[in-house]
Amino acid sequence: MTQALYITLPEHFNFRSTVYSHGWCELAPFGLDTENWRLSYVFGHGNAAIPVSVYEQGRRLRIDVEGDGFDKQQIIRDVRHILRLDDDLEGLYTSIAGHERLGWVAQKGAGRLLRSPTVFEDLVKTICTTNCSWGLTKSMVNNLVDKLGESGAFPTPGAMAAVDPDFYRDEIRAGYRSPYFVELAEAVAGGKLDPESWLTSDLSTPELKKEMKKVKGVGDYAAENLLKLVGRYDGLALDSWLRSQFYKNHNKQKPCPDKKIERHYKKFGQWRGLVIWCDMTEKWIN
């Protein structure tokens, strides 16, 4: 049985640019049907796995939900969260107003970065992106969902805490991350760490970054990416790919110190981390 829910879309929202904003749409339990332009996801609500399909219908989002007995308002809240429907990006658009290279961002209603329903899931996935290829990232995340998740949903902290580092090495192929995942899952399941609180934290961005970096496996790059997913865009989150794109687009393909990249985006203030990302991923959207 499939039931349909609807959300009225805000102004300056672009479904495709949000879905394609970064690689999360390729990581389970997300799925993307580009022929019909439908984003799928399997929510884990309690002990239930709830598959949904999200797509545009006029100026509304339609959410097709499989099954019954689910909390409709929770599904709507979660979809609003993953697609950043309540994010206010007027400050971003103001900061780039009149900029020849970045005018497309406001025109396309771009700037929203797809995220998971929970910060915990985003945290685990981010750790899976460090020091490895994108193919290995996808493999690790797929293994987590297939081997520890409930019927296609992302595993809970409790499920991840119930196995040992050897399981992560042998079954998930997580390598050096294996003991980190156990420690992280135990801390979250036991209430010692609450990643969800980062969404509403009163800490300054530098202080919140320090808190994130206390999690083993999270360095500067990972923390600054996580900050973007909780709505803070102060950090550039430079990695080899982002640097190479900057060299290509702004430095005649020649390597340069990170300080030069930082100076280039300094004028965009608190939005600079989102501006560099939009600047370097324009071809994904246009």
C-alpha atoms as a PDB file:
ATOM      1  CA  MET A   1       0.000   0.000   0.000  1.00  0.00           C
ATOM      2  CA  THR A   2       1.358   3.418  -0.995  1.00  0.00           C
ATOM      3  CA  GLN A   3       0.182   6.666   0.559  1.00  0.00           C
ATOM      4  CA  ALA A   4       0.980  10.139  -0.763  1.00  0.00           C
ATOM      5  CA  LEU A   5       2.010  13.116   1.365  1.00  0.00           C
ATOM      6  CA  TYR A   6       2.631  16.633   0.063  1.00  0.00           C
ATOM      7  CA  ILE A   7       4.842  19.601   0.944  1.00  0.00           C
ATOM      8  CA  THR A   8       4.452  23.070  -0.572  1.00  0.00           C
ATOM      9  CA  LEU A   9       7.827  24.207  -1.864  1.00  0.00           C
ATOM     10  CA  PRO A  10       9.461  27.452  -0.690  1.00  0.00           C
ATOM     11  CA  GLU A  11      10.752  30.070  -3.101  1.00  0.00           C
ATOM     12  CA  HIS A  12      14.300  29.643  -4.377  1.00  0.00           C
ATOM     13  CA  PHE A  13      14.179  25.872  -4.054  1.00  0.00           C
ATOM     14  CA  ASN A  14      15.506  23.624  -6.792  1.00  0.00           C
ATOM     15  CA  PHE A  15      14.919  19.920  -6.287  1.00  0.00           C
ATOM     16  CA  ARG A  16      17.566  18.743  -8.735  1.00  0.00           C
ATOM     17  CA  SER A  17      20.285  21.103  -7.519  1.00  0.00           C
ATOM     18  CA  THR A  18      19.631  19.986  -3.931  1.00  0.00           C
ATOM     19  CA  VAL A  19      19.744  16.294  -4.808  1.00  0.00           C
ATOM     20  CA  TYR A  20      22.903  16.776  -6.912  1.00  0.00           C
ATOM     21  CA  SER A  21      24.519  19.172  -4.427  1.00  0.00           C
ATOM     22  CA  HIS A  22      27.052  16.530  -3.381  1.00  0.00           C
ATOM     23  CA  GLY A  23      27.519  12.786  -3.355  1.00  0.00           C
ATOM     24  CA  TRP A  24      25.046  11.851  -0.617  1.00  0.00           C
ATOM     25  CA  CYS A  25      22.399  10.926  -3.207  1.00  0.00           C
ATOM     26  CA  GLU A  26      24.656   8.013  -4.183  1.00  0.00           C
ATOM     27  CA  LEU A  27      24.988   6.653  -0.665  1.00  0.00           C
ATOM     28  CA  ALA A  28      22.534   4.127   0.772  1.00  0.00           C
ATOM     29  CA  PRO A  29      19.849   4.255   1.940  1.00  0.00           C
ATOM     30  CA  PHE A  30      19.387   7.039  -0.636  1.00  0.00           C
ATOM     31  CA  GLY A  31      18.648   6.072  -4.210  1.00  0.00           C
ATOM     32  CA  LEU A  32      18.104   8.207  -7.291  1.00  0.00           C
ATOM     33  CA  ASP A  33      15.978   7.479 -10.355  1.00  0.00           C
ATOM     34  CA  THR A  34      17.296  10.060 -12.848  1.00  0.00           C
ATOM     35  CA  GLU A  35      14.914   8.948 -15.590  1.00  0.00           C
ATOM     36  CA  ASN A  36      11.846   9.925 -13.570  1.00  0.00           C
ATOM     37  CA  TRP A  37      13.714  12.229 -11.175  1.00  0.00           C
ATOM     38  CA  ARG A  38      12.696  10.579  -7.947  1.00  0.00           C
ATOM     39  CA  LEU A  39      14.805  10.496  -4.796  1.00  0.00           C
ATOM     40  CA  SER A  40      14.247   7.445  -2.618  1.00  0.00           C
ATOM     41  CA  TYR A  41      15.205   6.857   0.976  1.00  0.00           C
ATOM     42  CA  VAL A  42      14.503   4.256   3.656  1.00  0.00           C
ATOM     43  CA  PHE A  43      13.733   5.884   6.997  1.00  0.00           C
ATOM     44  CA  GLY A  44      14.308   3.964  10.186  1.00  0.00           C
ATOM     45  CA  HIS A  45      11.568   4.996  12.611  1.00  0.00           C
ATOM     46  CA  GLY A  46      11.753   2.914  15.750  1.00  0.00           C
ATOM     47  CA  ASN A  47      11.915  -0.723  14.673  1.00  0.00           C
ATOM     48  CA  ALA A  48      10.232   0.003  11.346  1.00  0.00           C
ATOM     49  CA  ALA A  49      11.877   0.625   7.970  1.00  0.00           C
ATOM     50  CA  ILE A  50       9.810   3.020   5.882  1.00  0.00           C
ATOM     51  CA  PRO A  51      10.711   3.380   2.172  1.00  0.00           C
ATOM     52  CA  VAL A  52       9.722   6.660   0.531  1.00  0.00           C
ATOM     53  CA  SER A  53      10.016   8.196  -2.911  1.00  0.00           C
ATOM     54  CA  VAL A  54      10.183  11.982  -3.229  1.00  0.00           C
ATOM     55  CA  TYR A  55       9.584  13.983  -6.406  1.00  0.00           C
ATOM     56  CA  GLU A  56       8.222  17.266  -7.686  1.00  0.00           C
ATOM     57  CA  GLN A  57       4.610  17.711  -8.688  1.00  0.00           C
ATOM     58  CA  GLY A  58       4.078  21.304  -9.743  1.00  0.00           C
ATOM     59  CA  ARG A  59       5.113  23.547  -6.867  1.00  0.00           C
ATOM     60  CA  ARG A  60       4.749  20.739  -4.389  1.00  0.00           C
ATOM     61  CA  LEU A  61       6.854  17.804  -3.343  1.00  0.00           C
ATOM     62  CA  ARG A  62       5.064  14.510  -3.394  1.00  0.00           C
ATOM     63  CA  ILE A  63       6.211  11.830  -0.962  1.00  0.00           C
ATOM     64  CA  ASP A  64       5.048   8.312  -1.760  1.00  0.00           C
ATOM     65  CA  VAL A  65       5.278   6.219   1.413  1.00  0.00           C
ATOM     66  CA  GLU A  66       5.118   2.444   1.348  1.00  0.00           C
ATOM     67  CA  GLY A  67       3.142   0.737   4.103  1.00  0.00           C
ATOM     68  CA  ASP A  68       0.820   2.081   6.780  1.00  0.00           C
ATOM     69  CA  GLY A  69       0.869   2.898  10.469  1.00  0.00           C
ATOM     70  CA  PHE A  70       3.676   5.425  10.048  1.00  0.00           C
ATOM     71  CA  ASP A  71       3.815   8.904  11.576  1.00  0.00           C
ATOM     72  CA  LYS A  72       2.933  11.236   8.710  1.00  0.00           C
ATOM     73  CA  GLN A  73       4.232  14.336  10.449  1.00  0.00           C
ATOM     74  CA  GLN A  74       7.559  12.678  11.220  1.00  0.00           C
ATOM     75  CA  ILE A  75       7.976  11.692   7.570  1.00  0.00           C
ATOM     76  CA  ILE A  76       7.253  15.286   6.515  1.00  0.00           C
ATOM     77  CA  ARG A  77       9.682  16.669   9.114  1.00  0.00           C
ATOM     78  CA  ASP A  78      12.384  14.282   7.961  1.00  0.00           C
ATOM     79  CA  VAL A  79      11.910  15.123   4.282  1.00  0.00           C
ATOM     80  CA  ARG A  80      12.006  18.831   5.086  1.00  0.00           C
ATOM     81  CA  HIS A  81      15.236  18.185   6.976  1.00  0.00           C
ATOM     82  CA  ILE A  82      17.071  16.169   4.323  1.00  0.00           C
ATOM     83  CA  LEU A  83      16.166  18.650   1.573  1.00  0.00           C
ATOM     84  CA  ARG A  84      16.879  21.724   3.755  1.00  0.00           C
ATOM     85  CA  LEU A  85      13.440  23.194   2.998  1.00  0.00           C
ATOM     86  CA  ASP A  86      13.540  25.451   6.058  1.00  0.00           C
ATOM     87  CA  ASP A  87      17.049  26.802   5.456  1.00  0.00           C
ATOM     88  CA  ASP A  88      17.183  30.571   4.900  1.00  0.00           C
ATOM     89  CA  LEU A  89      19.716  31.237   2.129  1.00  0.00           C
ATOM     90  CA  GLU A  90      18.946  34.903   1.563  1.00  0.00           C
ATOM     91  CA  GLY A  91      22.274  35.773   3.187  1.00  0.00           C
ATOM     92  CA  LEU A  92      24.047  33.584   0.630  1.00  0.00           C
ATOM     93  CA  TYR A  93      22.258  35.193  -2.291  1.00  0.00           C
ATOM     94  CA  THR A  94      22.972  38.666  -0.915  1.00  0.00           C
ATOM     95  CA  SER A  95      26.670  37.862  -0.483  1.00  0.00           C
ATOM     96  CA  ILE A  96      27.044  36.853  -4.148  1.00  0.00           C
ATOM     97  CA  ALA A  97      24.712  39.473  -5.660  1.00  0.00           C
ATOM     98  CA  GLY A  98      26.306  41.057  -8.720  1.00  0.00           C
ATOM     99  CA  HIS A  99      29.055  38.434  -8.910  1.00  0.00           C
ATOM    100  CA  GLU A 100      29.385  37.437 -12.569  1.00  0.00           C
ATOM    101  CA  ARG A 101      30.629  33.915 -11.975  1.00  0.00           C
ATOM    102  CA  LEU A 102      28.160  33.074  -9.188  1.00  0.00           C
ATOM    103  CA  GLY A 103      24.950  34.620 -10.486  1.00  0.00           C
ATOM    104  CA  TRP A 104      23.614  31.195 -11.439  1.00  0.00           C
ATOM    105  CA  VAL A 105      23.351  30.130  -7.777  1.00  0.00           C
ATOM    106  CA  ALA A 106      20.417  32.434  -7.000  1.00  0.00           C
ATOM    107  CA  GLN A 107      18.927  32.000 -10.474  1.00  0.00           C
ATOM    108  CA  LYS A 108      18.841  28.235 -10.043  1.00  0.00           C
ATOM    109  CA  GLY A 109      17.764  28.336  -6.389  1.00  0.00           C
ATOM    110  CA  ALA A 110      20.894  26.365  -5.542  1.00  0.00           C
ATOM    111  CA  GLY A 111      22.878  26.232  -2.301  1.00  0.00           C
ATOM    112  CA  ARG A 112      21.026  23.605  -0.289  1.00  0.00           C
ATOM    113  CA  LEU A 113      23.168  20.591   0.565  1.00  0.00           C
ATOM    114  CA  LEU A 114      21.398  17.247   0.790  1.00  0.00           C
ATOM    115  CA  ARG A 115      21.807  15.614   4.184  1.00  0.00           C
ATOM    116  CA  SER A 116      20.673  12.563   6.112  1.00  0.00           C
ATOM    117  CA  PRO A 117      17.767  12.561   8.589  1.00  0.00           C
ATOM    118  CA  THR A 118      20.198  12.403  11.511  1.00  0.00           C
ATOM    119  CA  VAL A 119      23.534  14.027  12.238  1.00  0.00           C
ATOM    120  CA  PHE A 120      24.740  10.618  13.431  1.00  0.00           C
ATOM    121  CA  GLU A 121      24.260   9.201   9.937  1.00  0.00           C
ATOM    122  CA  ASP A 122      26.001  12.198   8.362  1.00  0.00           C
ATOM    123  CA  LEU A 123      28.843  11.797  10.835  1.00  0.00           C
ATOM    124  CA  VAL A 124      29.367   8.122  10.028  1.00  0.00           C
ATOM    125  CA  LYS A 125      29.161   8.767   6.295  1.00  0.00           C
ATOM    126  CA  THR A 126      31.621  11.638   6.552  1.00  0.00           C
ATOM    127  CA  ILE A 127      34.140   9.412   8.317  1.00  0.00           C
ATOM    128  CA  CYS A 128      33.665   6.977   5.420  1.00  0.00           C
ATOM    129  CA  THR A 129      34.801   9.691   2.971  1.00  0.00           C
ATOM    130  CA  THR A 130      38.200  10.315   4.547  1.00  0.00           C
ATOM    131  CA  ASN A 131      41.462   9.025   3.086  1.00  0.00           C
ATOM    132  CA  CYS A 132      39.866   6.825   0.456  1.00  0.00           C
ATOM    133  CA  SER A 133      38.279   6.729  -2.986  1.00  0.00           C
ATOM    134  CA  TRP A 134      34.607   7.515  -3.563  1.00  0.00           C
ATOM    135  CA  GLY A 135      34.123   3.913  -4.640  1.00  0.00           C
ATOM    136  CA  LEU A 136      35.335   2.663  -1.261  1.00  0.00           C
ATOM    137  CA  THR A 137      33.105   5.193   0.508  1.00  0.00           C
ATOM    138  CA  LYS A 138      30.056   3.830  -1.305  1.00  0.00           C
ATOM    139  CA  SER A 139      31.103   0.257  -0.569  1.00  0.00           C
ATOM    140  CA  MET A 140      31.502   0.908   3.169  1.00  0.00           C
ATOM    141  CA  VAL A 141      28.148   2.690   3.440  1.00  0.00           C
ATOM    142  CA  ASN A 142      26.376  -0.007   1.422  1.00  0.00           C
ATOM    143  CA  ASN A 143      27.881  -2.652   3.704  1.00  0.00           C
ATOM    144  CA  LEU A 144      26.747  -0.785   6.817  1.00  0.00           C
ATOM    145  CA  VAL A 145      23.178  -0.633   5.523  1.00  0.00           C
ATOM    146  CA  ASP A 146      23.115  -4.202   4.200  1.00  0.00           C
ATOM    147  CA  LYS A 147      24.747  -5.877   7.195  1.00  0.00           C
ATOM    148  CA  LEU A 148      23.645  -3.749  10.167  1.00  0.00           C
ATOM    149  CA  GLY A 149      20.581  -1.820   8.999  1.00  0.00           C
ATOM    150  CA  GLU A 150      16.961  -2.859   9.475  1.00  0.00           C
ATOM    151  CA  SER A 151      15.345  -3.759   6.137  1.00  0.00           C
ATOM    152  CA  GLY A 152      17.344  -1.240   4.148  1.00  0.00           C
ATOM    153  CA  ALA A 153      17.496   1.583   6.704  1.00  0.00           C
ATOM    154  CA  PHE A 154      20.718   3.063   8.039  1.00  0.00           C
ATOM    155  CA  PRO A 155      21.884   1.250  11.185  1.00  0.00           C
ATOM    156  CA  THR A 156      21.112   2.718  14.588  1.00  0.00           C
ATOM    157  CA  PRO A 157      23.882   3.566  17.066  1.00  0.00           C
ATOM    158  CA  GLY A 158      22.804   0.527  19.084  1.00  0.00           C
ATOM    159  CA  ALA A 159      23.166  -1.792  16.099  1.00  0.00           C
ATOM    160  CA  MET A 160      26.588  -0.372  15.277  1.00  0.00           C
ATOM    161  CA  ALA A 161      27.701  -0.685  18.904  1.00  0.00           C
ATOM    162  CA  ALA A 162      26.684  -4.351  19.051  1.00  0.00           C
ATOM    163  CA  VAL A 163      29.551  -5.546  16.851  1.00  0.00           C
ATOM    164  CA  ASP A 164      33.308  -5.416  17.377  1.00  0.00           C
ATOM    165  CA  PRO A 165      36.140  -3.830  15.379  1.00  0.00           C
ATOM    166  CA  ASP A 166      36.867  -7.128  13.612  1.00  0.00           C
ATOM    167  CA  PHE A 167      33.373  -7.076  12.142  1.00  0.00           C
ATOM    168  CA  TYR A 168      33.997  -3.614  10.710  1.00  0.00           C
ATOM    169  CA  ARG A 169      37.346  -4.710   9.283  1.00  0.00           C
ATOM    170  CA  ASP A 170      36.122  -7.973   7.779  1.00  0.00           C
ATOM    171  CA  GLU A 171      32.510  -7.264   6.821  1.00  0.00           C
ATOM    172  CA  ILE A 172      32.356  -3.499   6.312  1.00  0.00           C
ATOM    173  CA  ARG A 173      35.936  -3.144   5.007  1.00  0.00           C
ATOM    174  CA  ALA A 174      36.324  -0.058   7.180  1.00  0.00           C
ATOM    175  CA  GLY A 175      40.056  -0.447   7.776  1.00  0.00           C
ATOM    176  CA  TYR A 176      41.508   1.946  10.342  1.00  0.00           C
ATOM    177  CA  ARG A 177      38.008   3.345  10.987  1.00  0.00           C
ATOM    178  CA  SER A 178      36.863   0.056  12.565  1.00  0.00           C
ATOM    179  CA  PRO A 179      37.588   0.852  16.238  1.00  0.00           C
ATOM    180  CA  TYR A 180      36.433   4.437  15.675  1.00  0.00           C
ATOM    181  CA  PHE A 181      32.978   3.228  14.625  1.00  0.00           C
ATOM    182  CA  VAL A 182      32.664   1.064  17.721  1.00  0.00           C
ATOM    183  CA  GLU A 183      33.724   3.898  20.034  1.00  0.00           C
ATOM    184  CA  LEU A 184      31.422   6.390  18.307  1.00  0.00           C
ATOM    185  CA  ALA A 185      28.407   4.084  18.320  1.00  0.00           C
ATOM    186  CA  GLU A 186      28.892   3.178  21.977  1.00  0.00           C
ATOM    187  CA  ALA A 187      29.176   6.852  22.947  1.00  0.00           C
ATOM    188  CA  VAL A 188      25.977   7.794  21.083  1.00  0.00           C
ATOM    189  CA  ALA A 189      23.998   4.717  22.170  1.00  0.00           C
ATOM    190  CA  GLY A 190      25.097   5.272  25.773  1.00  0.00           C
ATOM    191  CA  GLY A 191      24.188   8.964  25.784  1.00  0.00           C
ATOM    192  CA  LYS A 192      27.751  10.243  26.205  1.00  0.00           C
ATOM    193  CA  LEU A 193      27.652  11.968  22.813  1.00  0.00           C
ATOM    194  CA  ASP A 194      24.669  13.652  21.153  1.00  0.00           C
ATOM    195  CA  PRO A 195      25.491  14.627  17.558  1.00  0.00           C
ATOM    196  CA  GLU A 196      21.910  15.842  17.028  1.00  0.00           C
ATOM    197  CA  SER A 197      22.596  18.667  19.478  1.00  0.00           C
ATOM    198  CA  TRP A 198      25.051  20.145  16.967  1.00  0.00           C
ATOM    199  CA  LEU A 199      22.083  21.347  14.925  1.00  0.00           C
ATOM    200  CA  THR A 200      21.031  23.798  17.636  1.00  0.00           C
ATOM    201  CA  SER A 201      24.304  24.299  19.513  1.00  0.00           C
ATOM    202  CA  ASP A 202      25.024  27.738  20.992  1.00  0.00           C
ATOM    203  CA  LEU A 203      28.752  27.178  20.576  1.00  0.00           C
ATOM    204  CA  SER A 204      30.653  29.391  18.169  1.00  0.00           C
ATOM    205  CA  THR A 205      31.649  27.675  14.948  1.00  0.00           C
ATOM    206  CA  PRO A 206      35.319  27.260  16.014  1.00  0.00           C
ATOM    207  CA  GLU A 207      34.190  25.763  19.343  1.00  0.00           C
ATOM    208  CA  LEU A 208      31.712  23.440  17.659  1.00  0.00           C
ATOM    209  CA  LYS A 209      34.417  22.351  15.239  1.00  0.00           C
ATOM    210  CA  LYS A 210      36.590  21.422  18.224  1.00  0.00           C
ATOM    211  CA  GLU A 211      33.752  19.328  19.638  1.00  0.00           C
ATOM    212  CA  MET A 212      33.348  17.504  16.342  1.00  0.00           C
ATOM    213  CA  LYS A 213      37.070  16.820  16.159  1.00  0.00           C
ATOM    214  CA  LYS A 214      36.926  15.015  19.487  1.00  0.00           C
ATOM    215  CA  VAL A 215      35.311  12.154  17.565  1.00  0.00           C
ATOM    216  CA  LYS A 216      38.069   9.851  16.345  1.00  0.00           C
ATOM    217  CA  GLY A 217      38.301   9.925  12.581  1.00  0.00           C
ATOM    218  CA  VAL A 218      37.136  13.531  12.314  1.00  0.00           C
ATOM    219  CA  GLY A 219      39.814  16.036  11.330  1.00  0.00           C
ATOM    220  CA  ASP A 220      39.586  19.538   9.912  1.00  0.00           C
ATOM    221  CA  TYR A 221      38.204  18.462   6.547  1.00  0.00           C
ATOM    222  CA  ALA A 222      35.560  16.151   8.000  1.00  0.00           C
ATOM    223  CA  ALA A 223      34.523  18.665  10.681  1.00  0.00           C
ATOM    224  CA  GLU A 224      34.117  21.485   8.179  1.00  0.00           C
ATOM    225  CA  ASN A 225      31.971  19.268   5.960  1.00  0.00           C
ATOM    226  CA  LEU A 226      29.834  18.318   8.938  1.00  0.00           C
ATOM    227  CA  LEU A 227      29.499  21.984   9.842  1.00  0.00           C
ATOM    228  CA  LYS A 228      27.963  22.617   6.428  1.00  0.00           C
ATOM    229  CA  LEU A 229      25.426  19.881   7.060  1.00  0.00           C
ATOM    230  CA  VAL A 230      24.329  21.527  10.317  1.00  0.00           C
ATOM    231  CA  GLY A 231      24.049  24.925   8.626  1.00  0.00           C
ATOM    232  CA  ARG A 232      27.426  26.557   9.296  1.00  0.00           C
ATOM    233  CA  TYR A 233      29.472  27.557   6.290  1.00  0.00           C
ATOM    234  CA  ASP A 234      32.517  29.322   7.753  1.00  0.00           C
ATOM    235  CA  GLY A 235      34.997  26.582   6.809  1.00  0.00           C
ATOM    236  CA  LEU A 236      36.145  25.749   3.280  1.00  0.00           C
ATOM    237  CA  ALA A 237      36.593  21.997   3.912  1.00  0.00           C
ATOM    238  CA  LEU A 238      39.496  21.838   1.494  1.00  0.00           C
ATOM    239  CA  ASP A 239      40.467  18.447   0.144  1.00  0.00           C
ATOM    240  CA  SER A 240      42.486  17.348  -2.882  1.00  0.00           C
ATOM    241  CA  TRP A 241      39.499  17.517  -5.239  1.00  0.00           C
ATOM    242  CA  LEU A 242      38.384  20.986  -4.131  1.00  0.00           C
ATOM    243  CA  ARG A 243      41.926  22.299  -4.330  1.00  0.00           C
ATOM    244  CA  SER A 244      42.406  20.882  -7.826  1.00  0.00           C
ATOM    245  CA  GLN A 245      39.182  22.525  -9.008  1.00  0.00           C
ATOM    246  CA  PHE A 246      40.279  25.867  -7.592  1.00  0.00           C
ATOM    247  CA  TYR A 247      43.655  25.578  -9.334  1.00  0.00           C
ATOM    248  CA  LYS A 248      41.844  24.852 -12.596  1.00  0.00           C
ATOM    249  CA  ASN A 249      39.252  27.599 -12.340  1.00  0.00           C
ATOM    250  CA  HIS A 250      41.138  30.387 -10.616  1.00  0.00           C
ATOM    251  CA  ASN A 251      44.893  29.759 -10.781  1.00  0.00           C
ATOM    252  CA  LYS A 252      45.685  28.680 -14.373  1.00  0.00           C
ATOM    253  CA  GLN A 253      45.837  25.034 -13.228  1.00  0.00           C
ATOM    254  CA  LYS A 254      48.836  25.762 -11.008  1.00  0.00           C
ATOM    255  CA  PRO A 255      48.926  24.604  -7.346  1.00  0.00           C
ATOM    256  CA  CYS A 256      48.915  27.357  -4.762  1.00  0.00           C
ATOM    257  CA  PRO A 257      48.945  27.620  -0.953  1.00  0.00           C
ATOM    258  CA  ASP A 258      45.643  27.192   0.858  1.00  0.00           C
ATOM    259  CA  LYS A 259      46.035  30.757   2.113  1.00  0.00           C
ATOM    260  CA  LYS A 260      45.423  32.015  -1.419  1.00  0.00           C
ATOM    261  CA  ILE A 261      42.195  30.013  -1.636  1.00  0.00           C
ATOM    262  CA  GLU A 262      41.126  31.376   1.750  1.00  0.00           C
ATOM    263  CA  ARG A 263      41.795  34.969   0.642  1.00  0.00           C
ATOM    264  CA  HIS A 264      39.788  34.432  -2.544  1.00  0.00           C
ATOM    265  CA  TYR A 265      36.637  33.554  -0.593  1.00  0.00           C
ATOM    266  CA  LYS A 266      37.166  35.702   2.484  1.00  0.00           C
ATOM    267  CA  LYS A 267      34.837  38.433   1.185  1.00  0.00           C
ATOM    268  CA  PHE A 268      31.889  36.043   1.376  1.00  0.00           C
ATOM    269  CA  GLY A 269      32.120  35.954   5.185  1.00  0.00           C
ATOM    270  CA  GLN A 270      30.070  33.296   6.943  1.00  0.00           C
ATOM    271  CA  TRP A 271      28.930  31.894   3.590  1.00  0.00           C
ATOM    272  CA  ARG A 272      32.397  31.264   2.159  1.00  0.00           C
ATOM    273  CA  GLY A 273      32.320  27.495   2.628  1.00  0.00           C
ATOM    274  CA  LEU A 274      29.074  27.238   0.678  1.00  0.00           C
ATOM    275  CA  VAL A 275      30.252  29.717  -1.951  1.00  0.00           C
ATOM    276  CA  ILE A 276      33.397  27.730  -2.771  1.00  0.00           C
ATOM    277  CA  TRP A 277      31.338  24.559  -3.028  1.00  0.00           C
ATOM    278  CA  CYS A 278      28.838  26.152  -5.415  1.00  0.00           C
ATOM    279  CA  ASP A 279      31.682  27.732  -7.375  1.00  0.00           C
ATOM    280  CA  MET A 280      33.441  24.413  -7.883  1.00  0.00           C
ATOM    281  CA  THR A 281      30.324  22.316  -8.658  1.00  0.00           C
ATOM    282  CA  GLU A 282      28.564  24.583 -11.160  1.00  0.00           C
ATOM    283  CA  LYS A 283      28.843  21.984 -13.948  1.00  0.00           C
ATOM    284  CA  TRP A 284      26.923  19.503 -11.820  1.00  0.00           C
ATOM    285  CA  ILE A 285      23.882  21.782 -11.867  1.00  0.00           C
ATOM    286  CA  ASN A 286      24.111  23.734 -15.144  1.00  0.00           C
END
